[in-house]
C-alpha cells in the first residue's frame, strides 16, 4: 500500500479472511435470504481483496479490490434486509420487540466493511477519494474492519449476553455512534473527528469493562479467560492512544505519528482486541455458553 504496508497489509489480510467470517458466524437473529451462502463463502469472496493488498498500486490491484468491494456491498445490503425482517416480526405482534441497542450494533457491523472496501478501491487506484490522502485511505481500511465491524459486533454480543443494563446499552450504542462520528469527522474537521473519538472511546471502555465481567462467568475456561482478559486490557490501551492522537490532531499538541499509531493502536486493536475477543466468543459458543441472558418482557431478542 504505502510506507505503512509493513503494519497495515498483514493486519487487513487477517481482517478480511478471518475476522469478518468468524464474526458473521457469531451473529444471532433473523437471517435474510442469501445470508448463509455469503457467510460460508466469505473467505473466497475476500481473497481478491487480500491479494490486492500485496500488489503495487495498479490496474490489477484495483480490479481485485473492486471484487472485494462488491462482496462488502452484498454484506451491507444484508443490513436493510435484516432490519426489514426484524420490523416484520415486531409488526406481527411479537411481544416487546427486538433488543434494539444490540441490533443497531449488528447492523453497523454489517455495513462497516463496505466503507473499507470503497476506501481500498480508491487507495489501490491511487485516487484521492473525496480529497483524502492515500495514507488516510489506507488506514480507513483496517479501521472499518476492526473498529467498525469487530468492535460493533462484540458490543452487540455483549449487550445480548449481559441481558441489558446501562453499561451494555452504552457500549452497543456508543460504538456505532462513535464509528459514524469519526467517519463524519473525516469530512468536517479535526474537532469533529475528536468528538467521534471521544464517543467511540466511551463505548470501547464499556466493552472493556463488560469483557472483564464476562471473564468471570462460569462458562469461561482458562484459555477463554486469558483471551477475554487480553482483549479487554489491550482495548483500553489502544483507545487511550486513539484519543491522544485525535486530541493532538485537533489542538496541535504533540501526538503520535500515523506510522507509530499503525504499529501500536492498529496492531493492538486488531490482534490484541478483535482477534482475542472473537476467539473467546467462538469458544463460548462452542461450549454452549454464549446465549442471551433472560431479558425483561419489554425487550425480547430479534
Foldseek 3Di string as FASTA:
>chain_A
DDPLLVQQLVLLLCLQQPLVLLLLVLDDDDFFPPSVVLSVCRNVQSVLQSVLSPDAQDDSSLVSLVSNLVSLVVLLVRLVRRVVVQVVVVVVPQFQGAPVLLSLLQNQLSNLQNLLSVLSSCLSNCHCVVNNHSLVSSVSNLCSSQLRRQQSSLLSLLCQAVQHDDLSSLLSNLSSQLVVQLVVCVVPHLVSNLVSLVSNLSNLLSSLVSLQVVLPDPLADPLLSVLSNQQSVLSNVLSVLVNQVSVCRVPVPDHDDPSVNSVRSVVSSRVRHRVSSSVSLVVCVVSVNRGGDDYPSNHDHD
